[in-house]
């Protein structure tokens, strides 16, 4: 390996004594390698959301450590007879075995057509690969001692290697024409460069020409990296305490950071956090510093996901962060353990358990980078109800590419929609005819032509008012308890706001009861202590249903006070 250029770096002071954070100014790397200049992330005011979730495996067998490359996925599966083996598939389909050799095969990674894993068929750990197009298995490294924790980007495979009696990061390139690797058994990517000793280099992650890893050459575990196009070594983060579990996509590195996991005289411990760094600008930044531990981050483009242990009620969950919008999002909320998430092309895959057995299944989610909503606002009535077929729509759409310019609006069971200019409201939208549940759908298109997921809102159309009945006259002695039996019938509304009035012979109202949510379609009773003068009174019952319809029939009868 040829000599490396001088490392340009900068140090940012922290409030804790002795803390230091060194971030390489990899703009120098970009210059040396002839790479593009730094890009600016677009600003936006919306958040990535979970559009849908799905289950990948459900067979009672333990599946763990998934990896994802677009729709291609891999995982390790355990059998009582065969141990851990490697399975692969393409979403939304199921996985099939790609390696069931003796010993354990674990920690698979996938990129495009190639799968790599750590293989223990020979007694120690080696690195193997599999070509899903040719269905051919091949050796990547079977050097003596252990080779573990592989990662892959395209055809470049990296791993941690113990052949030198401490851990180094090695790499090799797959030839797609022959399913062989060069150089055979790999080349060391992480030798010492005039610092305090070599230490260990472990947990490599790779994207394009850049590999990053956990490095102990400066003392405690830090994050360092190497770019093979520029033949350039650089530190990423050397803050105090432990930085580990790095992941990389493009020019962004993320990792698990324990700098605030230990309490000090002035600050309480808050657990392990997720941090990141932009290699083009040299800027480091916190991603999640919530209470509890956040571990095992993965990144694809501007989406970061991790295992989150802040909730003691639900256990480990999967959460995420959109670097473009600077907004967090939550992927899972279920009980038991949801862990080891991976993300690729707005898909998330993770291993989850749904019982105390601890056996894992694979689950997935589709993320939407859109804010897309529709709400139906009735002319009158309670939320979710309308007495008029003409309603107002409140609409909101925003996509990552910019301004929303068009929208599709459609009734369920209505005519085929056509694109129309986008507005934040649509007044007097006509629902389909007939009483019952009505649904309106909306889809948005932004200025780049990207189309949002379809969203919907529902409301119940009820154009018929309730009928009130007082089936029996009431007779009661003055000073005793009387009962007015009544009933409110409605074709749809489960409750109605009901008013009962007692009226004397002169037409004056002498008593009023208002029942906000009287149940419709059943016998109702109003008990009262009669303190009225002796005589005959009118009983009148009015009702208003949830859609705002007045009664079609007023309940009527008489009350005699003796």
Protein backbone atom coordinates (compact mmCIF):
# COMPACT_ATOMS: atom_id res chain seq x y z
CA UNK A 1 0.00 0.00 0.00
CA UNK A 2 1.42 3.34 -0.96
CA UNK A 3 2.09 6.18 1.47
CA UNK A 4 -0.94 8.19 2.52
CA UNK A 5 -1.23 11.99 2.32
CA UNK A 6 -1.14 14.05 5.49
CA UNK A 7 -4.42 13.87 7.44
CA UNK A 8 -6.11 17.23 7.73
CA UNK A 9 -8.29 17.32 10.85
CA UNK A 10 -9.90 19.64 13.31
CA UNK A 11 -10.63 19.26 17.02
CA UNK A 12 -13.80 20.45 18.71
CA UNK A 13 -13.63 21.01 22.49
CA UNK A 14 -16.33 19.56 24.74
CA UNK A 15 -17.41 20.67 28.20
CA UNK A 16 -16.36 17.44 29.89
CA UNK A 17 -12.72 17.42 30.89
CA UNK A 18 -10.53 15.53 28.49
CA UNK A 19 -13.25 15.03 25.89
CA UNK A 20 -12.17 15.48 22.32
CA UNK A 21 -13.87 15.00 19.00
CA UNK A 22 -11.66 14.84 15.93
CA UNK A 23 -13.41 14.91 12.58
CA UNK A 24 -11.43 14.69 9.38
CA UNK A 25 -11.94 17.49 6.94
CA UNK A 26 -12.56 15.04 4.13
CA UNK A 27 -12.87 17.91 1.70
CA UNK A 28 -9.15 17.22 1.31
CA UNK A 29 -10.02 13.63 0.48
CA UNK A 30 -12.47 14.86 -2.14
CA UNK A 31 -9.76 16.99 -3.70
CA UNK A 32 -7.21 14.18 -3.75
CA UNK A 33 -9.65 11.66 -5.17
CA UNK A 34 -11.12 14.09 -7.68
CA UNK A 35 -14.55 13.62 -6.16
CA UNK A 36 -17.54 15.93 -6.36
CA UNK A 37 -17.84 18.88 -4.01
CA UNK A 38 -20.06 18.77 -0.96
CA UNK A 39 -23.77 18.82 -1.58
CA UNK A 40 -26.37 20.70 0.44
CA UNK A 41 -29.34 18.76 1.83
CA UNK A 42 -32.71 20.30 0.86
CA UNK A 43 -34.78 21.80 3.65
CA UNK A 44 -38.31 20.58 4.27
CA UNK A 45 -41.03 20.75 6.92
CA UNK A 46 -42.48 17.26 6.81
CA UNK A 47 -41.51 13.90 8.26
CA UNK A 48 -40.92 10.41 6.99
CA UNK A 49 -43.75 8.15 8.16
CA UNK A 50 -44.53 4.44 8.15
CA UNK A 51 -46.85 3.84 5.22
CA UNK A 52 -47.45 0.13 5.88
CA UNK A 53 -45.99 -2.83 7.78
CA UNK A 54 -45.78 -6.51 6.88
CA UNK A 55 -44.51 -9.83 8.21
CA UNK A 56 -41.82 -11.68 6.25
CA UNK A 57 -41.51 -14.93 8.22
CA UNK A 58 -43.96 -16.76 10.49
CA UNK A 59 -42.84 -20.36 10.84
CA UNK A 60 -41.82 -20.82 14.48
CA UNK A 61 -38.12 -20.96 13.55
CA UNK A 62 -35.66 -18.41 14.90
CA UNK A 63 -34.56 -15.83 12.32
CA UNK A 64 -32.09 -13.09 13.22
CA UNK A 65 -29.67 -10.47 11.81
CA UNK A 66 -31.39 -9.48 8.58
CA UNK A 67 -29.77 -7.33 5.91
CA UNK A 68 -31.41 -5.52 3.02
CA UNK A 69 -30.34 -4.25 -0.41
CA UNK A 70 -33.31 -2.62 -2.13
CA UNK A 71 -35.79 -5.55 -2.16
CA UNK A 72 -33.17 -8.31 -1.76
CA UNK A 73 -32.83 -9.53 1.82
CA UNK A 74 -30.82 -12.10 3.80
CA UNK A 75 -30.91 -13.47 7.33
CA UNK A 76 -29.57 -16.26 9.51
CA UNK A 77 -31.97 -19.03 10.55
CA UNK A 78 -31.50 -21.56 13.33
CA UNK A 79 -32.29 -25.26 13.19
CA UNK A 80 -31.93 -27.69 16.10
CA UNK A 81 -30.14 -30.13 13.77
CA UNK A 82 -28.22 -27.83 11.41
CA UNK A 83 -27.41 -24.81 13.60
CA UNK A 84 -27.38 -21.37 12.00
CA UNK A 85 -27.69 -21.20 8.20
CA UNK A 86 -28.01 -18.42 5.62
CA UNK A 87 -31.29 -17.66 3.83
CA UNK A 88 -32.05 -15.09 1.14
CA UNK A 89 -35.05 -13.80 -0.77
CA UNK A 90 -36.67 -10.85 -2.52
CA UNK A 91 -39.46 -8.89 -0.86
CA UNK A 92 -42.34 -9.47 -0.55
CA UNK A 93 -41.52 -13.17 -1.07
CA UNK A 94 -40.11 -15.61 1.45
CA UNK A 95 -36.47 -16.55 1.89
CA UNK A 96 -34.84 -19.80 0.81
CA UNK A 97 -31.62 -21.44 1.97
CA UNK A 98 -28.39 -20.41 0.23
CA UNK A 99 -26.00 -22.17 2.64
CA UNK A 100 -26.69 -25.11 4.97
CA UNK A 101 -23.10 -26.31 5.38
CA UNK A 102 -21.94 -27.92 8.66
CA UNK A 103 -21.11 -25.56 11.48
CA UNK A 104 -22.71 -22.13 11.88
CA UNK A 105 -23.12 -19.54 9.14
CA UNK A 106 -23.96 -16.14 10.65
CA UNK A 107 -24.00 -12.35 10.15
CA UNK A 108 -25.00 -12.27 6.46
CA UNK A 109 -24.84 -9.12 4.36
CA UNK A 110 -26.19 -8.50 0.86
CA UNK A 111 -25.48 -6.02 -1.92
CA UNK A 112 -27.18 -6.52 -5.26
CA UNK A 113 -26.68 -10.12 -6.39
CA UNK A 114 -23.99 -11.02 -3.84
CA UNK A 115 -24.42 -12.40 -0.31
CA UNK A 116 -21.53 -12.71 2.16
CA UNK A 117 -21.36 -14.20 5.64
CA UNK A 118 -19.17 -15.49 8.46
CA UNK A 119 -18.74 -19.27 8.09
CA UNK A 120 -17.54 -21.78 10.74
CA UNK A 121 -17.65 -25.04 8.80
CA UNK A 122 -13.87 -25.44 9.13
CA UNK A 123 -13.83 -24.96 12.90
CA UNK A 124 -12.61 -21.38 12.81
CA UNK A 125 -14.34 -18.39 11.19
CA UNK A 126 -13.94 -17.71 7.45
CA UNK A 127 -15.71 -15.45 4.96
CA UNK A 128 -17.85 -17.00 2.23
CA UNK A 129 -19.97 -15.58 -0.56
CA UNK A 130 -22.88 -16.55 -2.79
CA UNK A 131 -23.93 -15.29 -6.23
CA UNK A 132 -27.75 -15.29 -6.44
CA UNK A 133 -27.62 -15.11 -10.25
CA UNK A 134 -25.30 -18.08 -10.82
CA UNK A 135 -26.38 -19.79 -7.55
CA UNK A 136 -22.69 -20.41 -6.90
CA UNK A 137 -21.01 -20.40 -3.48
CA UNK A 138 -17.36 -19.29 -3.25
CA UNK A 139 -14.65 -18.65 -0.67
CA UNK A 140 -13.70 -15.03 0.00
CA UNK A 141 -11.16 -15.63 2.76
CA UNK A 142 -10.15 -18.88 4.49
CA UNK A 143 -6.85 -17.65 5.91
CA UNK A 144 -5.79 -19.17 9.25
CA UNK A 145 -7.21 -17.79 12.50
CA UNK A 146 -10.56 -15.98 12.40
CA UNK A 147 -12.19 -13.75 9.80
CA UNK A 148 -15.54 -12.36 10.97
CA UNK A 149 -18.17 -9.60 10.58
CA UNK A 150 -18.19 -9.15 6.78
CA UNK A 151 -19.75 -6.20 4.96
CA UNK A 152 -20.26 -5.62 1.23
CA UNK A 153 -20.91 -2.76 -1.17
CA UNK A 154 -21.28 -3.73 -4.80
CA UNK A 155 -18.43 -6.18 -5.35
CA UNK A 156 -16.15 -4.90 -2.56
CA UNK A 157 -16.14 -7.11 0.56
CA UNK A 158 -14.53 -6.11 3.86
CA UNK A 159 -14.18 -7.98 7.17
CA UNK A 160 -12.26 -8.04 10.45
CA UNK A 161 -9.28 -10.39 10.43
CA UNK A 162 -7.24 -11.95 13.27
CA UNK A 163 -4.40 -13.46 11.23
CA UNK A 164 -1.93 -10.97 12.71
CA UNK A 165 -2.97 -11.84 16.29
CA UNK A 166 -4.87 -8.62 16.64
CA UNK A 167 -7.88 -7.48 14.63
CA UNK A 168 -7.37 -5.65 11.33
CA UNK A 169 -9.77 -4.75 8.53
CA UNK A 170 -9.20 -6.60 5.26
CA UNK A 171 -10.88 -6.29 1.89
CA UNK A 172 -11.19 -8.04 -1.47
CA UNK A 173 -13.09 -7.49 -4.71
CA UNK A 174 -15.39 -10.07 -6.30
CA UNK A 175 -15.04 -10.71 -10.05
CA UNK A 176 -18.67 -11.11 -11.21
CA UNK A 177 -17.57 -13.08 -14.28
CA UNK A 178 -15.85 -15.82 -12.30
CA UNK A 179 -17.11 -15.49 -8.71
CA UNK A 180 -13.52 -15.25 -7.48
CA UNK A 181 -11.89 -12.57 -5.35
CA UNK A 182 -8.75 -10.49 -5.71
CA UNK A 183 -6.44 -10.32 -3.98
CA UNK A 184 -6.85 -13.88 -2.73
CA UNK A 185 -7.63 -13.79 1.00
CA UNK A 186 -7.74 -10.00 0.92
CA UNK A 187 -5.48 -7.06 1.72
CA UNK A 188 -5.01 -5.14 4.98
CA UNK A 189 -6.80 -1.78 4.85
CA UNK A 190 -5.99 -0.54 8.35
CA UNK A 191 -2.27 -0.60 9.26
CA UNK A 192 -0.83 1.90 11.75
CA UNK A 193 0.10 5.34 10.38
CA UNK A 194 2.46 6.77 12.95
CA UNK A 195 0.08 6.91 15.91
CA UNK A 196 0.10 5.27 19.33
CA UNK A 197 0.17 1.65 18.17
CA UNK A 198 -2.02 -0.44 16.00
CA UNK A 199 -4.70 -1.63 18.43
CA UNK A 200 -7.73 -3.45 17.05
CA UNK A 201 -9.80 -2.54 14.00
CA UNK A 202 -13.23 -4.21 14.02
CA UNK A 203 -16.89 -3.96 12.89
CA UNK A 204 -16.24 -2.68 9.36
CA UNK A 205 -18.96 -1.08 7.25
CA UNK A 206 -18.57 -0.11 3.60
CA UNK A 207 -20.21 2.13 0.98
CA UNK A 208 -18.72 2.77 -2.43
CA UNK A 209 -14.95 3.23 -2.04
CA UNK A 210 -15.09 4.09 1.68
CA UNK A 211 -14.84 1.67 4.58
CA UNK A 212 -15.22 2.68 8.24
CA UNK A 213 -14.60 0.66 11.39
CA UNK A 214 -14.13 0.69 15.17
CA UNK A 215 -10.51 1.55 15.97
CA UNK A 216 -8.70 1.30 19.34
CA UNK A 217 -5.29 2.64 18.24
CA UNK A 218 -5.93 5.87 20.21
CA UNK A 219 -7.01 4.08 23.39
CA UNK A 220 -10.76 3.56 23.76
CA UNK A 221 -12.89 2.50 20.74
CA UNK A 222 -13.22 5.25 18.11
CA UNK A 223 -14.40 5.44 14.50
CA UNK A 224 -11.89 5.58 11.64
CA UNK A 225 -12.00 4.97 7.90
CA UNK A 226 -10.21 4.49 4.61
CA UNK A 227 -10.99 5.51 1.04
CA UNK A 228 -9.42 3.14 -1.50
CA UNK A 229 -9.85 5.49 -4.48
CA UNK A 230 -7.61 8.06 -2.78
CA UNK A 231 -5.66 5.50 -0.70
CA UNK A 232 -6.44 7.74 2.25
CA UNK A 233 -6.79 6.85 5.96
CA UNK A 234 -8.73 9.18 8.30
CA UNK A 235 -10.23 9.34 11.81
CA UNK A 236 -13.97 10.04 11.93
CA UNK A 237 -14.64 10.39 15.66
CA UNK A 238 -12.21 10.09 18.57
CA UNK A 239 -14.39 11.48 21.34
CA UNK A 240 -13.90 10.14 24.86
CA UNK A 241 -15.66 6.91 25.85
CA UNK A 242 -16.82 4.28 23.35
CA UNK A 243 -17.88 4.82 19.75
CA UNK A 244 -18.81 1.61 17.94
CA UNK A 245 -21.28 -0.07 15.53
CA UNK A 246 -20.52 2.23 12.59
CA UNK A 247 -22.59 2.28 9.41
CA UNK A 248 -22.10 4.31 6.24
CA UNK A 249 -24.08 5.45 3.22
CA UNK A 250 -22.62 7.84 0.68
CA UNK A 251 -20.72 10.49 2.63
CA UNK A 252 -22.54 10.02 5.95
CA UNK A 253 -21.31 7.83 8.80
CA UNK A 254 -23.42 6.97 11.84
CA UNK A 255 -22.46 5.11 15.00
CA UNK A 256 -23.43 4.24 18.58
CA UNK A 257 -21.84 6.69 21.02
CA UNK A 258 -21.41 6.23 24.82
CA UNK A 259 -19.96 9.64 25.68
CA UNK A 260 -23.04 10.42 27.81
CA UNK A 261 -23.63 6.91 29.15
CA UNK A 262 -21.78 7.59 32.41
CA UNK A 263 -22.97 10.15 34.95
CA UNK A 264 -20.74 13.08 35.90
CA UNK A 265 -20.88 15.56 38.77
CA UNK A 266 -23.07 17.86 36.68
CA UNK A 267 -24.99 15.60 34.30
CA UNK A 268 -26.89 12.33 34.82
CA UNK A 269 -26.24 9.30 32.60
CA UNK A 270 -28.68 9.08 29.70
CA UNK A 271 -27.43 5.94 27.95
CA UNK A 272 -25.84 5.31 24.60
CA UNK A 273 -26.77 7.71 21.78
CA UNK A 274 -26.70 7.75 17.97
CA UNK A 275 -24.27 10.20 16.36
CA UNK A 276 -23.32 10.94 12.78
CA UNK A 277 -20.75 12.78 10.68
CA UNK A 278 -20.78 14.23 7.17
CA UNK A 279 -17.46 13.24 5.60
CA UNK A 280 -17.56 15.99 2.99
CA UNK A 281 -17.98 18.86 5.46
CA UNK A 282 -16.35 17.30 8.53
CA UNK A 283 -19.45 18.14 10.56
CA UNK A 284 -20.38 15.77 13.40
CA UNK A 285 -23.87 15.87 14.89
CA UNK A 286 -26.11 14.02 17.36
CA UNK A 287 -29.00 12.09 15.80
CA UNK A 288 -30.76 10.71 18.88
CA UNK A 289 -29.88 11.55 22.49
CA UNK A 290 -33.05 10.28 24.17
CA UNK A 291 -32.98 8.56 27.53
CA UNK A 292 -32.10 4.88 27.58
CA UNK A 293 -29.84 3.21 25.05
CA UNK A 294 -29.96 3.65 21.28
CA UNK A 295 -27.79 1.05 19.54
CA UNK A 296 -27.08 -0.77 16.28
CA UNK A 297 -27.68 2.07 13.79
CA UNK A 298 -27.97 1.55 10.04
CA UNK A 299 -28.25 4.17 7.30
CA UNK A 300 -29.41 4.38 3.71
CA UNK A 301 -29.13 7.76 2.00
CA UNK A 302 -30.82 10.17 4.44
CA UNK A 303 -32.70 7.62 6.57
CA UNK A 304 -31.19 6.27 9.80
CA UNK A 305 -32.74 3.46 11.88
CA UNK A 306 -31.65 1.84 15.13
CA UNK A 307 -32.73 -0.34 18.06
CA UNK A 308 -34.16 1.91 20.78
CA UNK A 309 -34.43 0.92 24.46
CA UNK A 310 -35.94 4.08 25.91
CA UNK A 311 -39.29 2.39 26.66
CA UNK A 312 -39.39 0.03 29.62
CA UNK A 313 -43.05 -0.74 28.90
CA UNK A 314 -42.69 -2.16 25.39
CA UNK A 315 -39.03 -3.21 25.33
CA UNK A 316 -36.63 -2.62 22.43
CA UNK A 317 -38.27 -0.87 19.49
CA UNK A 318 -37.17 0.32 16.07
CA UNK A 319 -36.96 4.07 15.60
CA UNK A 320 -35.52 6.28 12.92
CA UNK A 321 -34.45 9.74 11.84
CA UNK A 322 -34.71 11.57 8.53
CA UNK A 323 -31.53 13.61 8.00
CA UNK A 324 -33.16 15.70 5.27
CA UNK A 325 -35.99 16.91 7.45
CA UNK A 326 -34.23 16.63 10.83
CA UNK A 327 -37.27 14.73 12.08
CA UNK A 328 -37.49 11.47 14.05
CA UNK A 329 -40.01 8.74 13.28
CA UNK A 330 -41.09 5.54 14.99
CA UNK A 331 -41.24 2.24 13.12
CA UNK A 332 -42.47 -0.19 15.81
CA UNK A 333 -44.57 0.14 18.96
CA UNK A 334 -45.26 -3.52 19.83
CA UNK A 335 -44.41 -5.52 22.91
CA UNK A 336 -41.44 -7.83 23.30
CA UNK A 337 -38.24 -7.31 21.33
CA UNK A 338 -37.88 -5.52 17.99
CA UNK A 339 -34.21 -5.21 17.04
CA UNK A 340 -31.44 -5.30 14.41
CA UNK A 341 -33.15 -3.00 11.89
CA UNK A 342 -31.79 -2.41 8.39
CA UNK A 343 -32.98 0.12 5.82
CA UNK A 344 -32.75 0.33 2.04
CA UNK A 345 -34.74 2.34 -0.50
CA UNK A 346 -37.42 3.39 2.03
CA UNK A 347 -37.86 -0.21 3.26
CA UNK A 348 -37.06 -1.27 6.83
CA UNK A 349 -36.52 -4.87 7.93
CA UNK A 350 -35.98 -6.10 11.49
CA UNK A 351 -36.07 -9.16 13.73
CA UNK A 352 -38.96 -9.22 16.19
CA UNK A 353 -40.39 -11.52 18.83
CA UNK A 354 -44.05 -11.63 19.81
CA UNK A 355 -43.78 -13.89 22.87
CA UNK A 356 -41.44 -14.83 25.70
CA UNK A 357 -40.01 -17.71 23.65
CA UNK A 358 -37.40 -15.39 22.20
CA UNK A 359 -37.73 -16.90 18.73
CA UNK A 360 -37.42 -14.17 16.16
CA UNK A 361 -39.40 -13.57 12.99
CA UNK A 362 -38.70 -10.96 10.34
CA UNK A 363 -40.94 -7.93 9.95
CA UNK A 364 -40.84 -5.05 7.51
CA UNK A 365 -42.18 -1.57 6.88
CA UNK A 366 -42.53 0.72 3.90
CA UNK A 367 -41.58 4.31 4.68
CA UNK A 368 -43.22 7.26 2.99
CA UNK A 369 -41.26 10.49 2.65
CA UNK A 370 -44.54 12.33 2.11
CA UNK A 371 -46.86 14.33 4.24
CA UNK A 372 -50.20 13.42 2.69
CA UNK A 373 -53.49 13.98 4.51
CA UNK A 374 -57.15 14.58 3.80
CA UNK A 375 -59.86 15.57 6.28
CA UNK A 376 -63.61 15.88 5.68
CA UNK A 377 -65.25 18.85 7.35
CA UNK A 378 -69.06 18.56 7.58
CA UNK A 379 -71.41 21.50 7.30
CA UNK A 380 -73.02 20.59 10.62
CA UNK A 381 -72.90 17.67 12.99
CA UNK A 382 -70.44 15.77 15.12
CA UNK A 383 -67.02 14.69 13.87
CA UNK A 384 -67.41 11.81 11.45
CA UNK A 385 -71.06 12.60 10.61
CA UNK A 386 -72.78 14.84 8.08
CA UNK A 387 -76.39 15.51 7.09
CA UNK A 388 -75.40 17.02 3.76
CA UNK A 389 -73.86 15.28 0.77
CA UNK A 390 -71.81 18.43 0.07
CA UNK A 391 -68.78 18.60 2.38
CA UNK A 392 -65.59 20.63 2.57
CA UNK A 393 -62.22 18.88 2.18
CA UNK A 394 -59.06 20.01 3.93
CA UNK A 395 -55.99 18.78 2.03
CA UNK A 396 -52.26 18.68 2.71
CA UNK A 397 -49.50 17.25 0.55
CA UNK A 398 -45.78 17.82 0.53
CA UNK A 399 -43.01 15.72 -0.98
CA UNK A 400 -39.23 15.71 -0.67
CA UNK A 401 -38.73 16.98 -4.20
CA UNK A 402 -40.55 20.19 -3.52
CA UNK A 403 -43.87 21.86 -4.13
CA UNK A 404 -47.00 19.77 -4.69
CA UNK A 405 -48.71 20.88 -7.90
CA UNK A 406 -51.51 18.37 -8.58
CA UNK A 407 -53.98 16.14 -6.77
CA UNK A 408 -56.40 13.29 -7.47
CA UNK A 409 -59.67 13.29 -5.52
CA UNK A 410 -62.12 10.41 -5.72
CA UNK A 411 -65.13 8.99 -3.90
CA UNK A 412 -65.19 5.30 -3.13
CA UNK A 413 -67.43 3.83 -5.76
CA UNK A 414 -67.44 7.12 -7.68
CA UNK A 415 -66.22 8.13 -11.13
CA UNK A 416 -62.61 7.71 -12.25
CA UNK A 417 -60.61 10.72 -10.97
CA UNK A 418 -58.50 13.07 -13.06
CA UNK A 419 -55.49 15.14 -12.01
CA UNK A 420 -56.36 18.70 -11.04
CA UNK A 421 -54.40 21.65 -9.60
CA UNK A 422 -53.52 21.26 -5.93
CA UNK A 423 -55.34 23.36 -3.37
CA UNK A 424 -55.29 23.09 0.41
CA UNK A 425 -59.09 22.99 0.49
CA UNK A 426 -61.95 21.87 -1.72
CA UNK A 427 -65.36 23.26 -0.78
CA UNK A 428 -68.72 21.62 -1.52
CA UNK A 429 -67.24 18.26 -2.51
CA UNK A 430 -70.17 16.02 -3.43
CA UNK A 431 -70.27 12.60 -1.78
CA UNK A 432 -71.89 9.63 -3.48
CA UNK A 433 -75.65 9.34 -2.92
CA UNK A 434 -77.47 7.39 -0.23
CA UNK A 435 -77.01 7.31 3.52
CA UNK A 436 -74.07 5.38 4.96
CA UNK A 437 -70.28 5.47 5.33
CA UNK A 438 -68.56 7.53 2.61
CA UNK A 439 -64.82 7.55 1.84
CA UNK A 440 -62.88 10.16 -0.12
CA UNK A 441 -59.38 9.38 -1.43
CA UNK A 442 -56.56 11.82 -2.22
CA UNK A 443 -53.24 11.42 -4.04
CA UNK A 444 -50.70 14.19 -4.60
CA UNK A 445 -48.02 14.83 -7.21
CA UNK A 446 -45.04 17.12 -6.62
CA UNK A 447 -43.19 19.32 -9.05
CA UNK A 448 -40.75 16.53 -9.93
CA UNK A 449 -43.58 14.17 -10.89
CA UNK A 450 -43.25 11.99 -7.77
CA UNK A 451 -46.60 10.62 -6.59
CA UNK A 452 -47.60 10.29 -2.93
CA UNK A 453 -49.22 7.28 -1.29
CA UNK A 454 -53.01 7.37 -1.47
CA UNK A 455 -54.68 8.64 1.70
CA UNK A 456 -58.34 8.65 2.66
CA UNK A 457 -60.88 10.04 5.08
CA UNK A 458 -64.34 8.69 5.89
CA UNK A 459 -67.60 10.19 7.13
CA UNK A 460 -71.13 8.87 7.64
CA UNK A 461 -73.83 10.57 5.59
CA UNK A 462 -77.18 10.58 7.40
CA UNK A 463 -79.98 12.63 5.84
CA UNK A 464 -82.86 11.32 7.98
CA UNK A 465 -83.74 12.76 11.35
CA UNK A 466 -84.65 10.68 14.41
CA UNK A 467 -88.16 9.80 15.62
CA UNK A 468 -89.01 10.32 19.31
CA UNK A 469 -91.79 8.43 21.09
CA UNK A 470 -93.41 8.58 24.53
CA UNK A 471 -95.47 5.39 24.40
CA UNK A 472 -97.35 5.70 27.72
CA UNK A 473 -99.06 8.51 29.62
CA UNK A 474 -97.60 9.10 33.05
CA UNK A 475 -99.55 9.39 36.32
CA UNK A 476 -97.75 10.26 39.56
CA UNK A 477 -98.64 11.47 43.05
CA UNK A 478 -97.18 14.83 44.01
CA UNK A 479 -94.01 14.28 46.08
CA UNK A 480 -93.42 10.75 44.83
CA UNK A 481 -91.09 9.36 42.14
CA UNK A 482 -92.42 9.26 38.60
CA UNK A 483 -90.98 7.67 35.44
CA UNK A 484 -91.24 8.89 31.86
CA UNK A 485 -90.69 6.08 29.36
CA UNK A 486 -89.47 7.22 25.97
CA UNK A 487 -87.61 5.99 22.90
CA UNK A 488 -85.57 7.62 20.11
CA UNK A 489 -85.22 5.77 16.79
CA UNK A 490 -82.69 6.67 14.08
CA UNK A 491 -81.63 4.86 10.91
CA UNK A 492 -77.86 5.28 11.56
CA UNK A 493 -76.96 7.39 14.57
CA UNK A 494 -76.22 5.28 17.68
CA UNK A 495 -76.94 8.20 20.03
CA UNK A 496 -78.90 11.41 19.92
CA UNK A 497 -78.97 14.58 21.96
CA UNK A 498 -82.42 14.47 23.58
CA UNK A 499 -84.45 17.14 25.34
CA UNK A 500 -87.52 16.34 27.49
CA UNK A 501 -89.85 19.18 28.44
CA UNK A 502 -92.93 19.37 30.67
CA UNK A 503 -95.43 22.10 29.64
CA UNK A 504 -98.43 23.30 31.70
CA UNK A 505 -101.91 24.19 30.42
CA UNK A 506 -100.88 27.82 29.81
CA UNK A 507 -98.00 26.71 27.54
CA UNK A 508 -95.23 27.52 29.99
CA UNK A 509 -92.24 25.15 30.27
CA UNK A 510 -91.99 24.01 33.87
CA UNK A 511 -89.28 21.34 33.66
CA UNK A 512 -86.45 20.52 31.22
CA UNK A 513 -84.06 17.56 31.06
CA UNK A 514 -81.22 17.38 28.49
CA UNK A 515 -79.62 14.00 27.83
CA UNK A 516 -76.48 14.54 25.72
CA UNK A 517 -76.04 10.98 24.46
CA UNK A 518 -79.30 9.11 24.68
CA UNK A 519 -78.96 5.67 23.12
CA UNK A 520 -81.18 5.20 20.08
CA UNK A 521 -83.32 2.19 19.28
CA UNK A 522 -83.93 1.11 22.87
CA UNK A 523 -86.36 1.82 25.72
CA UNK A 524 -85.20 4.74 27.87
CA UNK A 525 -86.44 6.00 31.23
CA UNK A 526 -86.37 9.34 33.03
CA UNK A 527 -86.97 9.07 36.76
CA UNK A 528 -87.87 12.22 38.72
CA UNK A 529 -89.27 13.37 42.05
CA UNK A 530 -92.50 15.16 41.24
CA UNK A 531 -92.76 18.58 42.90
CA UNK A 532 -95.23 20.01 40.37
CA UNK A 533 -98.67 21.33 41.21
CA UNK A 534 -101.53 18.96 40.69
CA UNK A 535 -102.91 18.99 37.17
CA UNK A 536 -102.27 17.77 33.63
CA UNK A 537 -99.03 18.56 31.73
CA UNK A 538 -97.77 17.90 28.22
CA UNK A 539 -94.68 15.70 27.76
CA UNK A 540 -92.63 16.61 24.71
CA UNK A 541 -89.39 14.87 23.56
CA UNK A 542 -87.12 16.42 20.93
CA UNK A 543 -84.00 14.69 19.47
CA UNK A 544 -80.96 15.72 17.42
CA UNK A 545 -78.79 12.97 15.86
CA UNK A 546 -75.01 12.97 15.38
CA UNK A 547 -75.32 14.30 11.84
CA UNK A 548 -77.23 17.35 13.06
CA UNK A 549 -80.67 16.25 11.89
CA UNK A 550 -83.66 17.44 13.96
CA UNK A 551 -86.37 14.95 14.82
CA UNK A 552 -88.84 14.02 12.13
CA UNK A 553 -91.35 13.22 14.84
CA UNK A 554 -91.66 14.80 18.29
CA UNK A 555 -92.47 12.41 21.11
CA UNK A 556 -95.71 13.42 22.81
CA UNK A 557 -97.92 12.28 25.69
CA UNK A 558 -99.36 13.63 28.95
CA UNK A 559 -98.37 13.70 32.60
CA UNK A 560 -101.05 13.73 35.34
CA UNK A 561 -99.99 14.90 38.78
CA UNK A 562 -102.39 13.78 41.52
